[in-house]
Amino acid sequence: MASFTEKAIMDSFIKLLNAKPLDKITVKDIVEDCGINRNTFYYHFDDIPTLVTRILEDETNRALSLHRDVHSWEEGFIAAAQFALSNKRLIYHIYNSVSREIFERYLNDITWDIMYRFVDTIARDIACDASDKKLIASFYKAALVGMILDWLANGMKYDPEEIIGRLGVMLEGNIRASLKKVEKQQRHT
């Protein structure tokens, strides 16, 4: 859990990052906005990339702890990605910076957790190997992450919640059907 000072630094950085690109933000900007000195910043964070990592790790942990019960992958994905959806400019600025890999790791971690928990829930009454559950969760994770990265690369021109909802309708039942096929195949071998 972040200390009061760490939280203030992170909040100042989030505010600044929602206003301007990451490469235009300096430690000086953060400490002036936050009302601390540079030494205090460096006591808590090594540099700005460390600060980005910490914010996204904290958000990943928060999102995943709040959304343990996943009733649909769409609901889980949208709920877990709420920080990104609520801070589109911040995410866009991170995506278009040297810290892109930090954001991609954040997105992959959240999406993997949501998809695996959902697949595991669906598979409770289906006899299938853990490797098959991981394979299908990995497939859906890759598709969702790819769609979000494409959305970012194309300037965030559509509502991702609407697209996820439409996909949910199109793909409803596919995960269960795939796992049932595996179960049937395993019974016959």
Protein backbone atom coordinates (compact mmCIF):
# COMPACT_ATOMS: atom_id res chain seq x y z
CA MET A 1 0.00 0.00 0.00
CA ALA A 2 1.27 3.42 -0.93
CA SER A 3 2.25 5.90 1.74
CA PHE A 4 0.57 9.30 1.83
CA THR A 5 3.54 10.86 0.02
CA GLU A 6 3.72 8.11 -2.61
CA LYS A 7 -0.01 8.48 -3.25
CA ALA A 8 0.38 12.25 -3.62
CA ILE A 9 3.23 11.76 -6.11
CA MET A 10 1.23 9.21 -8.09
CA ASP A 11 -1.88 11.43 -8.09
CA SER A 12 0.14 14.42 -9.32
CA PHE A 13 1.73 12.33 -12.04
CA ILE A 14 -1.66 10.94 -13.15
CA LYS A 15 -3.06 14.47 -13.32
CA LEU A 16 -0.09 15.65 -15.38
CA LEU A 17 -0.16 12.60 -17.63
CA ASN A 18 -3.82 13.15 -18.39
CA ALA A 19 -2.86 16.64 -19.57
CA LYS A 20 0.33 16.10 -21.57
CA PRO A 21 2.56 13.41 -23.10
CA LEU A 22 4.86 11.39 -20.87
CA ASP A 23 8.03 12.69 -22.53
CA LYS A 24 6.97 16.26 -21.67
CA ILE A 25 6.70 15.54 -17.92
CA THR A 26 9.74 16.04 -15.72
CA VAL A 27 10.42 15.22 -12.09
CA LYS A 28 10.42 18.99 -11.56
CA ASP A 29 6.82 19.17 -12.90
CA ILE A 30 5.73 16.39 -10.54
CA VAL A 31 7.34 17.82 -7.42
CA GLU A 32 6.02 21.31 -8.13
CA ASP A 33 2.50 19.98 -8.64
CA CYS A 34 2.76 17.79 -5.57
CA GLY A 35 4.42 20.37 -3.32
CA ILE A 36 7.44 18.27 -2.36
CA ASN A 37 11.14 18.49 -3.13
CA ARG A 38 13.15 16.39 -5.58
CA ASN A 39 14.83 14.40 -2.80
CA THR A 40 11.44 13.28 -1.54
CA PHE A 41 10.49 12.12 -5.03
CA TYR A 42 13.74 10.16 -5.37
CA TYR A 43 13.31 8.67 -1.90
CA HIS A 44 10.11 7.00 -3.12
CA PHE A 45 10.81 6.42 -6.84
CA ASP A 46 14.02 5.93 -8.82
CA ASP A 47 12.69 7.75 -11.88
CA ILE A 48 9.57 8.38 -13.94
CA PRO A 49 9.49 4.90 -15.58
CA THR A 50 9.55 3.40 -12.08
CA LEU A 51 6.61 5.64 -11.19
CA VAL A 52 4.69 4.49 -14.31
CA THR A 53 5.38 0.86 -13.41
CA ARG A 54 4.21 1.37 -9.84
CA ILE A 55 0.97 3.07 -10.88
CA LEU A 56 0.11 0.33 -13.35
CA GLU A 57 1.09 -2.46 -10.93
CA ASP A 58 -1.04 -0.91 -8.18
CA GLU A 59 -3.93 -0.52 -10.59
CA THR A 60 -3.56 -4.13 -11.77
CA ASN A 61 -3.62 -5.40 -8.20
CA ARG A 62 -6.59 -3.18 -7.30
CA ALA A 63 -8.59 -4.19 -10.36
CA LEU A 64 -7.91 -7.89 -9.93
CA SER A 65 -8.75 -7.89 -6.22
CA LEU A 66 -12.06 -6.11 -6.88
CA HIS A 67 -13.17 -8.44 -9.64
CA ARG A 68 -12.59 -11.93 -8.28
CA ASP A 69 -16.02 -13.26 -9.32
CA VAL A 70 -16.26 -13.12 -13.07
CA HIS A 71 -19.71 -13.89 -14.49
CA SER A 72 -18.80 -13.00 -18.05
CA TRP A 73 -15.45 -12.27 -19.65
CA GLU A 74 -16.87 -9.06 -21.10
CA GLU A 75 -17.97 -7.77 -17.69
CA GLY A 76 -14.68 -8.79 -16.11
CA PHE A 77 -12.57 -7.24 -18.84
CA ILE A 78 -14.44 -3.94 -18.86
CA ALA A 79 -14.42 -3.75 -15.05
CA ALA A 80 -10.73 -4.58 -14.79
CA ALA A 81 -9.84 -2.12 -17.54
CA GLN A 82 -11.89 0.69 -15.98
CA PHE A 83 -8.75 2.64 -15.01
CA ALA A 84 -7.59 2.60 -18.62
CA LEU A 85 -11.04 3.51 -19.92
CA SER A 86 -11.37 6.34 -17.40
CA ASN A 87 -7.89 7.69 -18.16
CA LYS A 88 -7.76 7.37 -21.94
CA ARG A 89 -5.36 10.28 -22.44
CA LEU A 90 -3.02 8.94 -19.75
CA ILE A 91 -3.00 5.49 -21.36
CA TYR A 92 -2.57 7.02 -24.82
CA HIS A 93 0.41 9.04 -23.57
CA ILE A 94 2.02 5.96 -21.99
CA TYR A 95 1.30 3.90 -25.12
CA ASN A 96 3.02 6.50 -27.30
CA SER A 97 6.11 6.69 -25.09
CA VAL A 98 9.13 4.59 -24.30
CA SER A 99 7.05 3.08 -21.47
CA ARG A 100 4.74 1.24 -23.89
CA GLU A 101 6.00 -2.16 -22.73
CA ILE A 102 4.96 -1.33 -19.15
CA PHE A 103 1.40 -0.65 -20.35
CA GLU A 104 1.35 -3.80 -22.48
CA ARG A 105 2.43 -5.87 -19.47
CA TYR A 106 -0.35 -4.25 -17.41
CA LEU A 107 -2.92 -5.01 -20.10
CA ASN A 108 -1.69 -8.60 -20.55
CA ASP A 109 -1.71 -9.29 -16.80
CA ILE A 110 -5.24 -8.02 -16.28
CA THR A 111 -6.62 -9.73 -19.36
CA TRP A 112 -4.94 -13.06 -18.58
CA ASP A 113 -6.28 -13.09 -15.03
CA ILE A 114 -9.84 -12.25 -16.10
CA MET A 115 -9.87 -14.77 -18.95
CA TYR A 116 -8.31 -17.61 -16.98
CA ARG A 117 -10.71 -17.13 -14.05
CA PHE A 118 -13.66 -17.06 -16.45
CA VAL A 119 -12.51 -20.17 -18.34
CA ASP A 120 -11.85 -21.95 -15.04
CA THR A 121 -15.37 -21.08 -13.87
CA ILE A 122 -16.91 -22.35 -17.12
CA ALA A 123 -14.87 -25.57 -16.92
CA ARG A 124 -15.93 -26.55 -13.39
CA ASP A 125 -18.26 -29.28 -14.66
CA ILE A 126 -16.20 -30.19 -17.72
CA ALA A 127 -13.44 -32.79 -17.63
CA CYS A 128 -10.53 -31.07 -19.35
CA ASP A 129 -6.85 -30.56 -18.69
CA ALA A 130 -5.49 -27.38 -17.14
CA SER A 131 -3.38 -26.99 -20.29
CA ASP A 132 -6.56 -26.77 -22.40
CA LYS A 133 -8.02 -24.14 -20.09
CA LYS A 134 -4.79 -22.17 -20.30
CA LEU A 135 -4.75 -22.47 -24.09
CA ILE A 136 -8.24 -21.07 -24.56
CA ALA A 137 -7.68 -18.32 -21.97
CA SER A 138 -4.44 -17.42 -23.74
CA PHE A 139 -6.21 -17.27 -27.12
CA TYR A 140 -8.90 -14.89 -25.84
CA LYS A 141 -6.32 -12.81 -23.94
CA ALA A 142 -4.25 -12.37 -27.10
CA ALA A 143 -7.32 -11.37 -29.11
CA LEU A 144 -8.50 -8.83 -26.52
CA VAL A 145 -5.07 -7.32 -25.95
CA GLY A 146 -4.57 -7.11 -29.71
CA MET A 147 -7.87 -5.29 -30.10
CA ILE A 148 -7.04 -2.78 -27.37
CA LEU A 149 -3.58 -2.14 -28.84
CA ASP A 150 -5.17 -1.67 -32.27
CA TRP A 151 -7.69 0.74 -30.72
CA LEU A 152 -4.81 2.76 -29.25
CA ALA A 153 -2.75 2.67 -32.44
CA ASN A 154 -5.72 4.01 -34.41
CA GLY A 155 -6.38 6.96 -32.12
CA MET A 156 -9.10 5.48 -29.86
CA LYS A 157 -11.85 6.31 -32.35
CA TYR A 158 -14.52 3.88 -31.15
CA ASP A 159 -16.01 2.89 -27.82
CA PRO A 160 -14.18 -0.26 -26.64
CA GLU A 161 -16.99 -1.13 -24.21
CA GLU A 162 -19.45 -1.28 -27.12
CA ILE A 163 -17.11 -3.51 -29.15
CA ILE A 164 -16.49 -5.84 -26.19
CA GLY A 165 -20.27 -6.06 -25.65
CA ARG A 166 -20.86 -6.91 -29.31
CA LEU A 167 -18.10 -9.54 -29.23
CA GLY A 168 -19.65 -11.03 -26.12
CA VAL A 169 -22.92 -11.55 -28.02
CA MET A 170 -21.12 -13.03 -31.05
CA LEU A 171 -18.91 -15.39 -29.06
CA GLU A 172 -21.34 -16.39 -26.30
CA GLY A 173 -21.02 -20.07 -25.52
CA ASN A 174 -17.87 -20.61 -27.60
CA ILE A 175 -15.56 -21.19 -24.64
CA ARG A 176 -17.88 -23.78 -23.12
CA ALA A 177 -18.41 -25.44 -26.51
CA SER A 178 -14.64 -25.63 -27.08
CA LEU A 179 -14.03 -27.18 -23.68
CA LYS A 180 -16.85 -29.69 -24.24
CA LYS A 181 -15.21 -30.73 -27.54
CA VAL A 182 -11.97 -31.37 -25.68
CA GLU A 183 -13.84 -33.37 -23.04
CA LYS A 184 -15.52 -35.48 -25.73
CA GLN A 185 -12.22 -36.07 -27.52
CA GLN A 186 -10.53 -37.14 -24.27
CA ARG A 187 -13.31 -39.67 -23.55
CA HIS A 188 -12.75 -41.28 -26.95
CA THR A 189 -8.99 -41.65 -26.63
